[in-house]
Protein backbone atom coordinates (compact mmCIF):
# COMPACT_ATOMS: atom_id res chain seq x y z
CA UNK A 1 105.83 45.80 47.25
CA UNK A 2 109.38 46.95 48.06
CA UNK A 3 111.38 45.78 51.08
CA UNK A 4 110.73 48.95 53.11
CA UNK A 5 106.99 48.42 52.71
CA UNK A 6 107.34 44.76 53.69
CA UNK A 7 109.25 45.78 56.84
CA UNK A 8 106.54 48.29 57.73
CA UNK A 9 103.92 45.55 57.31
CA UNK A 10 105.57 43.55 60.08
CA UNK A 11 104.07 43.81 63.54
CA UNK A 12 105.31 47.01 65.24
CA UNK A 13 106.17 45.02 68.37
CA UNK A 14 108.34 42.69 66.29
CA UNK A 15 110.26 45.65 64.89
CA UNK A 16 110.59 47.19 68.38
CA UNK A 17 111.84 43.93 69.91
CA UNK A 18 114.34 43.48 67.09
CA UNK A 19 115.68 47.00 67.57
CA UNK A 20 115.86 46.63 71.36
CA UNK A 21 117.76 43.34 71.13
CA UNK A 22 120.20 44.98 68.71
CA UNK A 23 120.67 47.92 71.08
CA UNK A 24 121.20 45.70 74.14
CA UNK A 25 123.76 43.67 72.21
CA UNK A 26 125.48 46.84 70.97
CA UNK A 27 125.84 48.25 74.50
CA UNK A 28 127.03 44.96 75.98
CA UNK A 29 129.56 44.50 73.18
CA UNK A 30 130.86 48.07 73.59
CA UNK A 31 131.27 47.57 77.33
CA UNK A 32 132.84 44.14 76.91
CA UNK A 33 135.32 45.32 74.25
CA UNK A 34 136.38 48.22 76.47
CA UNK A 35 137.05 45.89 79.40
CA UNK A 36 138.71 43.22 77.31
CA UNK A 37 141.09 45.84 75.92
CA UNK A 38 142.08 46.84 79.47
CA UNK A 39 143.09 43.19 79.97
CA UNK A 40 144.88 42.74 76.65
CA UNK A 41 142.12 40.67 75.04
CA UNK A 42 140.03 41.02 71.91
CA UNK A 43 136.47 39.81 71.38
CA UNK A 44 137.58 36.82 69.24
CA UNK A 45 140.11 35.77 71.91
CA UNK A 46 137.43 36.14 74.60
CA UNK A 47 135.05 33.97 72.56
CA UNK A 48 137.72 31.29 72.13
CA UNK A 49 138.35 31.27 75.89
CA UNK A 50 134.61 31.11 76.52
CA UNK A 51 134.12 28.17 74.12
CA UNK A 52 137.05 26.28 75.60
CA UNK A 53 135.72 26.85 79.13
CA UNK A 54 132.21 25.65 78.27
CA UNK A 55 133.38 22.49 76.50
CA UNK A 56 136.88 21.63 77.72
CA UNK A 57 138.86 19.77 76.80
CA UNK A 58 138.32 20.61 73.12
CA UNK A 59 140.24 20.13 69.92
CA UNK A 60 140.77 22.69 67.18
CA UNK A 61 138.23 21.00 64.91
CA UNK A 62 135.53 21.44 67.56
CA UNK A 63 136.39 25.13 68.02
CA UNK A 64 136.42 25.66 64.26
CA UNK A 65 132.90 24.22 63.90
CA UNK A 66 131.59 26.01 66.98
CA UNK A 67 132.98 29.44 66.12
CA UNK A 68 132.77 29.56 62.31
CA UNK A 69 136.34 30.87 62.11
CA UNK A 70 138.93 30.05 59.50
CA UNK A 71 141.42 27.48 60.76
CA UNK A 72 144.29 29.89 60.18
CA UNK A 73 142.62 32.65 62.23
CA UNK A 74 141.77 30.25 65.02
CA UNK A 75 145.32 28.87 65.08
CA UNK A 76 146.79 32.36 65.47
CA UNK A 77 144.39 33.15 68.34
CA UNK A 78 145.03 29.86 70.14
CA UNK A 79 148.80 30.14 69.69
CA UNK A 80 148.71 33.59 71.31
CA UNK A 81 146.52 32.33 74.17
CA UNK A 82 148.94 29.44 74.73
CA UNK A 83 151.95 31.81 74.64
CA UNK A 84 150.27 34.02 77.24
CA UNK A 85 149.57 30.97 79.45
CA UNK A 86 145.77 31.34 79.25
CA UNK A 87 145.34 28.03 77.41
CA UNK A 88 147.11 24.70 77.78
CA UNK A 89 147.67 22.53 74.69
CA UNK A 90 148.40 18.82 75.11
CA UNK A 91 148.10 15.46 73.37
CA UNK A 92 145.12 13.26 74.13
CA UNK A 93 146.10 10.25 76.25
CA UNK A 94 143.64 8.10 74.23
CA UNK A 95 144.87 9.16 70.80
CA UNK A 96 148.26 10.87 70.57
CA UNK A 97 147.31 12.36 67.18
CA UNK A 98 144.64 14.51 68.82
CA UNK A 99 145.68 17.83 70.36
CA UNK A 100 143.41 19.08 73.14
CA UNK A 101 142.96 22.53 74.65
CA UNK A 102 141.81 23.65 78.05
CA UNK A 103 142.08 26.77 80.14
CA UNK A 104 144.92 27.22 82.57
CA UNK A 105 144.16 28.58 86.04
CA UNK A 106 145.28 32.00 84.78
CA UNK A 107 142.98 31.79 81.75
CA UNK A 108 140.06 30.60 83.87
CA UNK A 109 140.61 33.40 86.37
CA UNK A 110 140.74 36.04 83.61
CA UNK A 111 137.62 34.68 81.89
CA UNK A 112 135.70 34.56 85.17
CA UNK A 113 136.73 38.14 85.89
CA UNK A 114 135.54 39.30 82.46
CA UNK A 115 132.21 37.50 82.84
CA UNK A 116 131.73 38.90 86.35
CA UNK A 117 132.43 42.45 85.18
CA UNK A 118 130.04 42.10 82.22
CA UNK A 119 127.25 40.57 84.31
CA UNK A 120 127.72 43.22 87.02
CA UNK A 121 127.29 45.88 84.33
CA UNK A 122 124.08 44.19 83.16
CA UNK A 123 122.88 43.90 86.76
CA UNK A 124 123.21 47.67 87.12
CA UNK A 125 121.02 48.09 84.04
CA UNK A 126 118.36 45.85 85.61
CA UNK A 127 118.15 47.99 88.75
CA UNK A 128 114.67 49.33 87.86
CA UNK A 129 113.20 45.81 87.58
CA UNK A 130 112.17 43.85 90.66
CA UNK A 131 112.88 40.10 90.77
CA UNK A 132 109.44 39.18 89.42
CA UNK A 133 109.91 41.51 86.44
CA UNK A 134 113.38 40.06 85.86
CA UNK A 135 111.88 36.55 85.87
CA UNK A 136 109.30 37.68 83.30
CA UNK A 137 112.08 39.07 81.10
CA UNK A 138 113.97 35.76 81.43
CA UNK A 139 110.87 33.76 80.44
CA UNK A 140 110.16 36.02 77.47
CA UNK A 141 113.73 36.04 76.17
CA UNK A 142 113.99 32.25 76.71
CA UNK A 143 110.83 31.73 74.70
CA UNK A 144 112.13 33.90 71.84
CA UNK A 145 115.48 32.10 71.94
CA UNK A 146 113.87 28.64 71.88
CA UNK A 147 111.54 29.63 69.03
CA UNK A 148 114.43 31.01 66.98
CA UNK A 149 116.44 27.85 67.60
CA UNK A 150 113.48 25.72 66.54
CA UNK A 151 113.00 27.72 63.34
CA UNK A 152 116.67 27.30 62.46
CA UNK A 153 116.57 23.57 63.21
CA UNK A 154 113.53 23.22 60.94
CA UNK A 155 115.50 24.98 58.22
CA UNK A 156 113.17 27.97 58.13
CA UNK A 157 115.47 30.25 56.15
CA UNK A 158 112.67 32.66 55.21
CA UNK A 159 113.15 32.08 51.48
CA UNK A 160 110.37 34.56 50.81
CA UNK A 161 112.72 37.37 51.90
CA UNK A 162 114.51 39.07 49.06
């Protein structure tokens, strides 16, 4: 059996959900990139700001592991964010060898604005769903997310796929 036949043997709903998730992601990424560009940011720079915000203070090693970026790429991005006063770089008081990063007020304000704009865009797309339907979507997507996370943690790499 060839791969196309194997795909067609999958549950139709599985294929539909996969395609819908891809489409939602595509539209959100297009919208986000457009708005980031208006504010002089790129998607990688936005993701660095986001990861710093969620975990600050962080060191470069943490960001490298979290973002799967080459150290050289990450250094260039962080240097630019520091130069533009979106990120503050400083030595750890506990261990002077460790360099920490956190958002400045300017960086935090910009990130919050970008998140607000993106979530407002998504909110407009949810206009046809009442709150109960939105809760059902949240429960369904959460379940899928948790199941995917569990499969990855178990090491389910789907070796039977070619």
